[in-house]
Amino acid sequence: MSLDSVSSLRVGIAGLGTVGATVARHLLDGAVSNVVVTRVSARDASKDRGFDMQNIAFSADPLKLATADDVDLVVELMGGQDGAALDLVRAALKAGKPVVTANKALVAAHANELSQLSANTGGAVVPLAYEAAVAGGIPVIKTLRQGLAGNQLQQIAGILNGTCNYILTRMDEAGLSFEAALQEAQEKGFAEADPELDVSGVDAAQKLSILSALAFDLRPDVSAMAVEGVERITEQDISFARQFDCVIRLIGVSRQADGKVYQKVTPMLVRKGGALAEVSNELNGLLFTSQPLGKLFLQGAGAGGGATASAVLADIADLARGDGQALFDRATADMTASASHQAPESEYYLRVGLADKPGSMAKATQILAENGVSIEEVVQRASNDGDGFLPVVFITHEVDESSLDNALKALQNEKNICNGVLSLPIFAD
């Protein structure tokens, strides 16, 4: 269906939670010219959502939006990787109806099928817009597809999860434990009751896989990506990082070099003064490196009803102007397959519990040296645990990941002198 053939774009919204209700209210108030809300779907038709539904058709079954004669554009805001959300998006695309979604899990998990439906349904592109799926209100998708068009992307690095960023910020600024910071995030609505998807790094990895597809023509596949969450970060790590004039942030990096793309999501030390170090609380931030532009930094609200609704409204406005695109520039079957590649050389933060006895430090440094890990700085503290092990932090010179892994395995095998190891890359921006 060509949107140019309709005088007003008739929108059907599935899901009237915080985001869906905000989108509906703004559209009804005329936020986007020539757009009308004609049909909605939600669990409860009688619930007060802050706008008049008297002249809007209600469908208990969201799938009816895909076939309803009074809907030109389907807005999916139910959430969920599978189930009703997937069924609706799939049915709408097959029916030739453009879709707007904020559902990054659905896009990342079903990119193969959705890209095929979006790019090839009936021999014509059926737009699938998803600005709200990555980094909330930051226009990162438009930046990649439009603002950086013609540039050669080299690296995307970003803080892509507001929950983790809030937790790490509060651990640093208020001295909270991970558990206390997480509870505070939940109380303020920045974290779900079940925060596993966020704190494990998976949410950020899903978003990074979408950005990598746009930037590097890489088929989305979170399983091919190295992913580590923030659960192991302690108040001790936050304090040590401060001594090195750094903060800890959960960073997603996608970097192209020598014809290969390296992707990783992990906590990293970020030196104060750098762009990503200044991204605090629930904000998101992205740093693009490309040629001929060089570096570009974007920061803004990465989560929350207002930020997400803003991105959804922007997508609707694009489609109302006839500026729709397929999920990606081509079906993912034609993209380069994601693969796990060796990380570029980096400096690392190593926190090691060393036995409080003569020779422990000498043995540890010997193991590191034998595996090609050169030490730049060392900080040692008296143990507060009474377990006979002292927390020691090494800052390494640049080292390749395989050499570091070999060194860490060797350290962990020396159980008489070593009790636990944490390694974090140091981000170089």
Protein backbone atom coordinates (compact mmCIF):
# COMPACT_ATOMS: atom_id res chain seq x y z
CA MET A 1 0.00 0.00 0.00
CA SER A 2 1.33 3.47 -0.87
CA LEU A 3 0.89 6.02 1.90
CA ASP A 4 0.80 8.70 -0.78
CA SER A 5 -2.64 7.41 -1.76
CA VAL A 6 -4.35 8.39 1.52
CA SER A 7 -5.31 11.96 2.50
CA SER A 8 -4.90 11.24 6.22
CA LEU A 9 -2.79 8.49 7.68
CA ARG A 10 -5.01 6.27 9.83
CA VAL A 11 -3.10 4.77 12.74
CA GLY A 12 -3.88 1.69 14.80
CA ILE A 13 -2.04 1.37 18.12
CA ALA A 14 -1.55 -1.99 19.84
CA GLY A 15 -0.60 -1.54 23.48
CA LEU A 16 -1.78 1.38 25.61
CA GLY A 17 0.72 1.35 28.44
CA THR A 18 2.72 4.44 29.33
CA VAL A 19 4.25 4.76 25.86
CA GLY A 20 1.17 3.82 23.85
CA ALA A 21 -1.10 6.15 25.78
CA THR A 22 1.40 9.02 25.44
CA VAL A 23 1.65 8.47 21.68
CA ALA A 24 -2.13 8.36 21.33
CA ARG A 25 -2.66 11.55 23.35
CA HIS A 26 -0.12 13.49 21.30
CA LEU A 27 -1.52 12.27 18.00
CA LEU A 28 -5.05 13.20 19.09
CA ASP A 29 -3.73 16.65 20.03
CA GLY A 30 -2.42 17.09 16.49
CA ALA A 31 1.28 16.49 17.12
CA VAL A 32 1.69 15.05 13.59
CA SER A 33 -0.19 16.66 10.71
CA ASN A 34 -2.61 14.52 8.68
CA VAL A 35 -2.49 11.63 11.13
CA VAL A 36 -5.55 10.26 12.93
CA VAL A 37 -5.89 7.49 15.50
CA THR A 38 -8.70 5.26 14.29
CA ARG A 39 -8.27 2.01 16.22
CA VAL A 40 -6.53 0.77 19.36
CA SER A 41 -6.00 -2.55 21.08
CA ALA A 42 -5.29 -3.23 24.76
CA ARG A 43 -6.14 -5.70 27.49
CA ASP A 44 -8.79 -3.48 29.09
CA ALA A 45 -11.08 -1.27 27.01
CA SER A 46 -12.55 0.50 30.05
CA LYS A 47 -9.32 1.72 31.68
CA ASP A 48 -8.83 5.50 31.76
CA ARG A 49 -5.70 6.32 29.76
CA GLY A 50 -6.00 10.08 29.74
CA PHE A 51 -7.66 10.54 26.35
CA ASP A 52 -11.15 10.23 24.89
CA MET A 53 -11.63 6.86 23.20
CA GLN A 54 -15.27 7.48 22.26
CA ASN A 55 -14.58 7.91 18.53
CA ILE A 56 -11.81 5.31 18.34
CA ALA A 57 -12.58 1.69 17.45
CA PHE A 58 -11.37 -0.87 19.97
CA SER A 59 -10.11 -4.36 19.08
CA ALA A 60 -9.57 -6.85 21.86
CA ASP A 61 -7.51 -8.91 19.43
CA PRO A 62 -4.47 -6.87 18.28
CA LEU A 63 -4.19 -8.97 15.11
CA LYS A 64 -7.30 -7.23 13.77
CA LEU A 65 -5.24 -4.07 13.28
CA ALA A 66 -3.38 -5.84 10.49
CA THR A 67 -6.56 -6.40 8.47
CA ALA A 68 -8.84 -3.54 9.58
CA ASP A 69 -9.98 -1.33 6.71
CA ASP A 70 -9.63 1.78 8.88
CA VAL A 71 -5.92 1.25 9.66
CA ASP A 72 -3.13 2.29 7.28
CA LEU A 73 -0.25 2.12 9.77
CA VAL A 74 0.22 -0.30 12.68
CA VAL A 75 2.06 0.87 15.81
CA GLU A 76 3.18 -2.09 17.95
CA LEU A 77 3.86 -1.11 21.57
CA MET A 78 2.88 -4.31 23.39
CA GLY A 79 6.43 -5.55 23.86
CA GLY A 80 7.65 -9.12 24.01
CA GLN A 81 10.03 -10.92 21.70
CA ASP A 82 7.44 -13.40 20.46
CA GLY A 83 3.70 -14.00 20.89
CA ALA A 84 1.14 -11.37 20.00
CA ALA A 85 3.71 -8.69 19.14
CA LEU A 86 5.47 -10.87 16.58
CA ASP A 87 2.17 -12.14 15.18
CA LEU A 88 0.92 -8.59 14.68
CA VAL A 89 4.08 -7.23 13.05
CA ARG A 90 4.31 -10.27 10.78
CA ALA A 91 0.63 -10.02 9.75
CA ALA A 92 0.82 -6.26 9.13
CA LEU A 93 3.87 -6.57 6.88
CA LYS A 94 2.29 -9.42 4.95
CA ALA A 95 -0.79 -7.24 4.47
CA GLY A 96 1.41 -4.45 3.11
CA LYS A 97 0.86 -2.15 6.09
CA PRO A 98 3.82 -0.15 7.44
CA VAL A 99 4.78 -0.81 11.06
CA VAL A 100 6.30 1.34 13.81
CA THR A 101 7.68 -0.49 16.84
CA ALA A 102 9.77 0.18 19.95
CA ASN A 103 10.48 -3.51 20.40
CA LYS A 104 14.25 -4.09 20.17
CA ALA A 105 14.01 -7.71 21.38
CA LEU A 106 11.60 -8.55 18.57
CA VAL A 107 13.69 -6.77 15.92
CA ALA A 108 16.95 -8.39 17.06
CA ALA A 109 15.55 -11.90 17.45
CA HIS A 110 13.48 -11.98 14.26
CA ALA A 111 15.54 -9.75 11.99
CA ASN A 112 15.89 -12.47 9.36
CA GLU A 113 12.16 -12.94 8.84
CA LEU A 114 11.16 -9.31 9.35
CA SER A 115 13.80 -7.96 6.99
CA GLN A 116 12.61 -10.35 4.30
CA LEU A 117 8.95 -9.36 4.80
CA SER A 118 9.80 -5.66 4.93
CA ALA A 119 12.04 -5.66 1.88
CA ASN A 120 10.21 -8.07 -0.37
CA THR A 121 6.50 -8.31 0.43
CA GLY A 122 4.68 -8.22 -2.92
CA GLY A 123 7.84 -7.04 -4.64
CA ALA A 124 7.76 -3.65 -2.84
CA VAL A 125 9.23 -2.26 0.36
CA VAL A 126 6.86 -2.22 3.35
CA PRO A 127 8.33 0.27 5.85
CA LEU A 128 9.28 -1.01 9.29
CA ALA A 129 10.38 1.87 11.54
CA TYR A 130 12.07 1.27 14.91
CA GLU A 131 13.82 4.43 16.10
CA ALA A 132 12.45 3.88 19.61
CA ALA A 133 13.97 0.39 19.81
CA VAL A 134 17.51 1.70 20.34
CA ALA A 135 18.59 4.45 22.76
CA GLY A 136 15.10 5.80 23.44
CA GLY A 137 14.75 9.42 22.38
CA ILE A 138 18.21 9.68 20.78
CA PRO A 139 17.79 9.65 16.98
CA VAL A 140 20.48 7.04 16.47
CA ILE A 141 18.78 5.12 13.63
CA LYS A 142 18.25 8.32 11.65
CA THR A 143 21.83 9.35 12.36
CA LEU A 144 23.17 6.13 10.85
CA ARG A 145 20.77 6.01 7.90
CA GLN A 146 20.70 9.70 7.05
CA GLY A 147 23.14 11.89 8.96
CA LEU A 148 26.11 9.60 8.35
CA ALA A 149 25.09 8.46 4.88
CA GLY A 150 28.19 8.43 2.68
CA ASN A 151 30.53 8.07 5.64
CA GLN A 152 32.67 5.01 6.23
CA LEU A 153 31.80 3.84 9.74
CA GLN A 154 34.74 2.57 11.77
CA GLN A 155 33.35 2.23 15.28
CA ILE A 156 30.19 2.61 17.34
CA ALA A 157 30.65 2.74 21.10
CA GLY A 158 27.86 3.51 23.47
CA ILE A 159 26.00 3.33 26.74
CA LEU A 160 22.83 1.61 25.59
CA ASN A 161 21.12 0.59 28.82
CA GLY A 162 19.78 3.22 31.20
CA THR A 163 19.20 0.74 34.04
CA CYS A 164 22.86 -0.30 34.22
CA ASN A 165 24.04 3.25 33.80
CA TYR A 166 21.85 4.41 36.68
CA ILE A 167 23.14 1.59 38.91
CA LEU A 168 26.81 2.29 38.16
CA THR A 169 26.33 6.05 38.58
CA ARG A 170 24.70 5.65 41.99
CA MET A 171 27.37 3.19 43.11
CA ASP A 172 29.94 5.84 42.25
CA GLU A 173 28.22 9.01 43.44
CA ALA A 174 26.39 7.68 46.51
CA GLY A 175 28.63 4.78 47.51
CA LEU A 176 25.78 2.29 47.19
CA SER A 177 26.23 -1.43 46.76
CA PHE A 178 25.06 -3.04 43.53
CA GLU A 179 22.02 -4.45 45.33
CA ALA A 180 21.07 -1.11 46.90
CA ALA A 181 21.53 0.79 43.62
CA LEU A 182 19.39 -1.77 41.78
CA GLN A 183 16.63 -1.47 44.38
CA GLU A 184 16.70 2.31 44.05
CA ALA A 185 16.49 2.01 40.25
CA GLN A 186 13.45 -0.24 40.61
CA GLU A 187 11.78 2.18 43.02
CA LYS A 188 12.29 5.06 40.57
CA GLY A 189 11.00 3.05 37.61
CA PHE A 190 14.38 2.78 35.86
CA ALA A 191 14.57 -1.00 36.33
CA GLU A 192 12.05 -3.80 35.89
CA ALA A 193 10.93 -6.04 38.74
CA ASP A 194 12.95 -8.73 36.95
CA PRO A 195 16.08 -6.82 35.85
CA GLU A 196 17.96 -9.80 34.38
CA LEU A 197 17.72 -8.69 30.74
CA ASP A 198 19.23 -5.32 31.66
CA VAL A 199 21.92 -6.15 34.21
CA SER A 200 23.15 -9.18 32.23
CA GLY A 201 24.00 -6.97 29.25
CA VAL A 202 21.59 -8.76 26.90
CA ASP A 203 19.37 -5.69 26.38
CA ALA A 204 22.40 -3.63 25.32
CA ALA A 205 23.60 -6.47 23.09
CA GLN A 206 20.26 -6.60 21.27
CA LYS A 207 20.50 -2.88 20.56
CA LEU A 208 24.13 -3.15 19.47
CA SER A 209 23.27 -5.94 17.03
CA ILE A 210 20.75 -3.64 15.35
CA LEU A 211 23.27 -0.81 15.08
CA SER A 212 25.90 -3.18 13.67
CA ALA A 213 23.47 -4.27 10.97
CA LEU A 214 22.95 -0.67 9.90
CA ALA A 215 26.58 0.40 10.19
CA PHE A 216 28.44 -2.66 8.97
CA ASP A 217 25.87 -4.73 7.04
CA LEU A 218 26.24 -7.41 9.71
CA ARG A 219 23.48 -9.94 10.26
CA PRO A 220 22.07 -9.47 13.81
CA ASP A 221 23.06 -12.36 16.07
CA VAL A 222 23.45 -11.71 19.79
CA SER A 223 24.71 -15.27 20.33
CA ALA A 224 27.84 -14.44 18.29
CA MET A 225 28.65 -11.48 20.53
CA ALA A 226 30.74 -11.43 23.71
CA VAL A 227 28.38 -10.18 26.44
CA GLU A 228 29.03 -9.54 30.14
CA GLY A 229 26.77 -7.68 32.55
CA VAL A 230 27.37 -5.56 35.63
CA GLU A 231 26.55 -8.07 38.36
CA ARG A 232 30.20 -8.63 39.33
CA ILE A 233 31.02 -4.94 39.80
CA THR A 234 31.54 -4.12 43.49
CA GLU A 235 31.90 -0.93 45.50
CA GLN A 236 35.59 -1.86 45.65
CA ASP A 237 35.87 -1.71 41.86
CA ILE A 238 34.13 1.66 41.79
CA SER A 239 36.59 2.98 44.37
CA PHE A 240 39.62 1.59 42.56
CA ALA A 241 38.41 3.10 39.28
CA ARG A 242 38.15 6.49 40.98
CA GLN A 243 41.82 6.24 42.00
CA PHE A 244 42.73 5.90 38.33
CA ASP A 245 40.55 8.94 37.49
CA CYS A 246 38.00 6.66 35.80
CA VAL A 247 34.38 5.62 36.11
CA ILE A 248 32.88 2.25 35.20
CA ARG A 249 30.23 2.09 32.50
CA LEU A 250 28.55 -0.74 30.59
CA ILE A 251 29.76 -0.14 27.03
CA GLY A 252 28.72 -1.75 23.77
CA VAL A 253 31.38 -1.59 21.06
CA SER A 254 31.13 -2.53 17.40
CA ARG A 255 34.36 -1.94 15.48
CA GLN A 256 35.35 -2.70 11.91
CA ALA A 257 38.99 -3.41 11.10
CA ASP A 258 40.78 -5.54 8.51
CA GLY A 259 37.49 -6.56 6.94
CA LYS A 260 36.09 -7.96 10.20
CA VAL A 261 33.66 -6.59 12.75
CA TYR A 262 34.32 -7.02 16.47
CA GLN A 263 31.34 -6.68 18.83
CA LYS A 264 31.28 -6.75 22.60
CA VAL A 265 29.17 -5.57 25.53
CA THR A 266 31.00 -5.38 28.85
CA PRO A 267 31.69 -3.07 31.79
CA MET A 268 34.72 -0.88 31.04
CA LEU A 269 36.78 1.72 32.80
CA VAL A 270 36.26 5.08 31.09
CA ARG A 271 38.64 7.94 31.83
CA LYS A 272 36.98 11.04 33.26
CA GLY A 273 36.74 13.82 30.76
CA GLY A 274 35.82 11.44 27.95
CA ALA A 275 32.38 11.81 26.39
CA LEU A 276 30.99 8.50 27.67
CA ALA A 277 32.30 9.08 31.20
CA GLU A 278 29.99 12.08 31.49
CA VAL A 279 26.85 10.07 30.61
CA SER A 280 25.21 9.56 33.99
CA ASN A 281 22.12 8.08 35.61
CA GLU A 282 19.51 6.78 33.15
CA LEU A 283 20.91 8.63 30.14
CA ASN A 284 22.31 6.89 27.06
CA GLY A 285 25.20 8.10 24.93
CA LEU A 286 26.75 7.01 21.63
CA LEU A 287 30.09 7.84 20.09
CA PHE A 288 30.47 7.29 16.34
CA THR A 289 33.80 7.25 14.54
CA SER A 290 33.67 7.58 10.77
CA GLN A 291 35.34 9.07 7.75
CA PRO A 292 35.30 11.80 6.58
CA LEU A 293 33.37 13.20 9.57
CA GLY A 294 35.56 11.92 12.40
CA LYS A 295 33.86 11.65 15.80
CA LEU A 296 30.22 12.35 16.57
CA PHE A 297 28.70 12.12 20.06
CA LEU A 298 24.99 11.89 20.88
CA GLN A 299 23.46 11.88 24.38
CA GLY A 300 19.92 11.86 25.67
CA ALA A 301 17.17 10.04 27.50
CA GLY A 302 17.57 6.37 26.67
CA ALA A 303 14.46 5.09 28.39
CA GLY A 304 11.17 6.20 29.84
CA GLY A 305 7.74 6.89 28.43
CA GLY A 306 8.51 10.37 27.14
CA ALA A 307 11.72 9.44 25.34
CA THR A 308 10.25 6.33 23.74
CA ALA A 309 7.04 8.08 22.73
CA SER A 310 9.08 10.88 21.15
CA ALA A 311 10.91 8.41 18.91
CA VAL A 312 7.65 6.64 17.96
CA LEU A 313 6.04 9.95 17.02
CA ALA A 314 9.06 10.86 14.89
CA ASP A 315 8.73 7.57 12.98
CA ILE A 316 5.02 8.18 12.44
CA ALA A 317 5.80 11.67 11.14
CA ASP A 318 8.34 10.22 8.69
CA LEU A 319 5.81 7.74 7.36
CA ALA A 320 3.15 10.42 7.08
CA ARG A 321 5.55 12.27 4.76
CA GLY A 322 6.18 9.12 2.76
CA ASP A 323 9.71 8.67 4.13
CA GLY A 324 9.53 4.99 4.98
CA GLN A 325 12.29 2.38 4.70
CA ALA A 326 12.62 -1.37 5.08
CA LEU A 327 13.99 -2.81 8.31
CA PHE A 328 17.49 -2.77 6.81
CA ASP A 329 18.77 -1.83 3.37
CA ARG A 330 18.44 -5.47 2.37
CA ALA A 331 17.30 -8.77 3.81
CA THR A 332 19.64 -10.17 6.45
CA ALA A 333 20.09 -13.34 4.37
CA ASP A 334 22.22 -11.18 2.06
CA MET A 335 24.26 -9.63 4.89
CA THR A 336 27.59 -10.78 6.31
CA ALA A 337 27.12 -13.42 9.00
CA SER A 338 28.04 -12.33 12.53
CA ALA A 339 31.06 -14.07 14.00
CA SER A 340 33.15 -13.90 17.14
CA HIS A 341 36.42 -12.09 16.40
CA GLN A 342 39.52 -11.33 18.44
CA ALA A 343 39.29 -8.06 20.36
CA PRO A 344 41.69 -5.25 19.45
CA GLU A 345 44.56 -4.72 21.88
CA SER A 346 43.54 -2.76 24.95
CA GLU A 347 44.69 -1.72 28.37
CA TYR A 348 42.93 -3.66 31.13
CA TYR A 349 41.94 -3.27 34.76
CA LEU A 350 42.66 -6.50 36.67
CA ARG A 351 41.36 -6.96 40.20
CA VAL A 352 42.95 -9.99 41.87
CA GLY A 353 42.62 -11.38 45.38
CA LEU A 354 46.18 -12.30 46.40
CA ALA A 355 47.11 -14.32 49.48
CA ASP A 356 48.52 -12.19 52.29
CA LYS A 357 51.84 -14.02 52.43
CA PRO A 358 55.36 -13.53 51.10
CA GLY A 359 55.87 -14.26 47.40
CA SER A 360 52.26 -13.88 46.29
CA MET A 361 52.76 -10.59 44.46
CA ALA A 362 56.02 -11.77 42.88
CA LYS A 363 54.35 -14.97 41.64
CA ALA A 364 51.38 -13.06 40.22
CA THR A 365 53.54 -10.57 38.33
CA GLN A 366 55.71 -13.45 37.07
CA ILE A 367 52.63 -15.23 35.65
CA LEU A 368 51.46 -12.05 33.95
CA ALA A 369 54.90 -11.40 32.46
CA GLU A 370 55.27 -14.98 31.22
CA ASN A 371 52.01 -14.54 29.28
CA GLY A 372 52.99 -11.24 27.72
CA VAL A 373 51.03 -8.97 30.07
CA SER A 374 52.98 -5.85 30.98
CA ILE A 375 51.96 -3.89 34.09
CA GLU A 376 51.65 -0.10 34.12
CA GLU A 377 50.29 0.53 37.63
CA VAL A 378 49.56 -1.46 40.79
CA VAL A 379 47.34 -0.58 43.76
CA GLN A 380 47.03 -2.76 46.85
CA ARG A 381 44.69 -2.46 49.82
CA ALA A 382 44.44 -4.09 53.20
CA SER A 383 41.77 -6.77 53.23
CA ASN A 384 38.51 -6.05 55.03
CA ASP A 385 37.17 -9.58 54.73
CA GLY A 386 39.51 -11.44 57.02
CA ASP A 387 39.83 -14.24 54.46
CA GLY A 388 43.60 -13.94 54.10
CA PHE A 389 43.45 -12.41 50.62
CA LEU A 390 44.24 -8.82 49.71
CA PRO A 391 42.57 -6.98 46.83
CA VAL A 392 45.23 -5.95 44.32
CA VAL A 393 44.57 -4.04 41.11
CA PHE A 394 46.83 -4.04 38.08
CA ILE A 395 46.49 -1.63 35.16
CA THR A 396 48.10 -3.26 32.14
CA HIS A 397 49.70 -1.81 29.06
CA GLU A 398 47.94 -2.68 25.82
CA VAL A 399 47.67 -6.43 25.41
CA ASP A 400 45.82 -8.78 23.09
CA GLU A 401 42.84 -10.65 24.48
CA SER A 402 44.25 -14.15 24.02
CA SER A 403 47.41 -13.35 25.99
CA LEU A 404 45.32 -11.83 28.77
CA ASP A 405 43.00 -14.84 28.87
CA ASN A 406 45.99 -17.20 29.18
CA ALA A 407 47.40 -15.11 32.02
CA LEU A 408 44.09 -15.07 33.90
CA LYS A 409 43.67 -18.83 33.57
CA ALA A 410 47.17 -19.35 34.92
CA LEU A 411 46.46 -17.04 37.86
CA GLN A 412 43.21 -18.82 38.68
CA ASN A 413 45.05 -22.15 38.73
CA GLU A 414 47.30 -20.83 41.52
CA LYS A 415 44.63 -21.22 44.18
CA ASN A 416 47.17 -20.99 47.00
CA ILE A 417 47.90 -17.37 46.10
CA CYS A 418 44.89 -16.22 44.09
CA ASN A 419 41.22 -15.90 45.03
CA GLY A 420 39.12 -14.49 42.20
CA VAL A 421 39.97 -12.35 39.20
CA LEU A 422 37.98 -9.61 37.45
CA SER A 423 39.20 -8.07 34.19
CA LEU A 424 37.70 -4.99 32.55
CA PRO A 425 38.91 -3.29 29.37
CA ILE A 426 39.83 0.39 29.58
CA PHE A 427 37.91 2.27 26.92
CA ALA A 428 40.00 4.42 24.60
CA ASP A 429 37.92 7.16 22.98
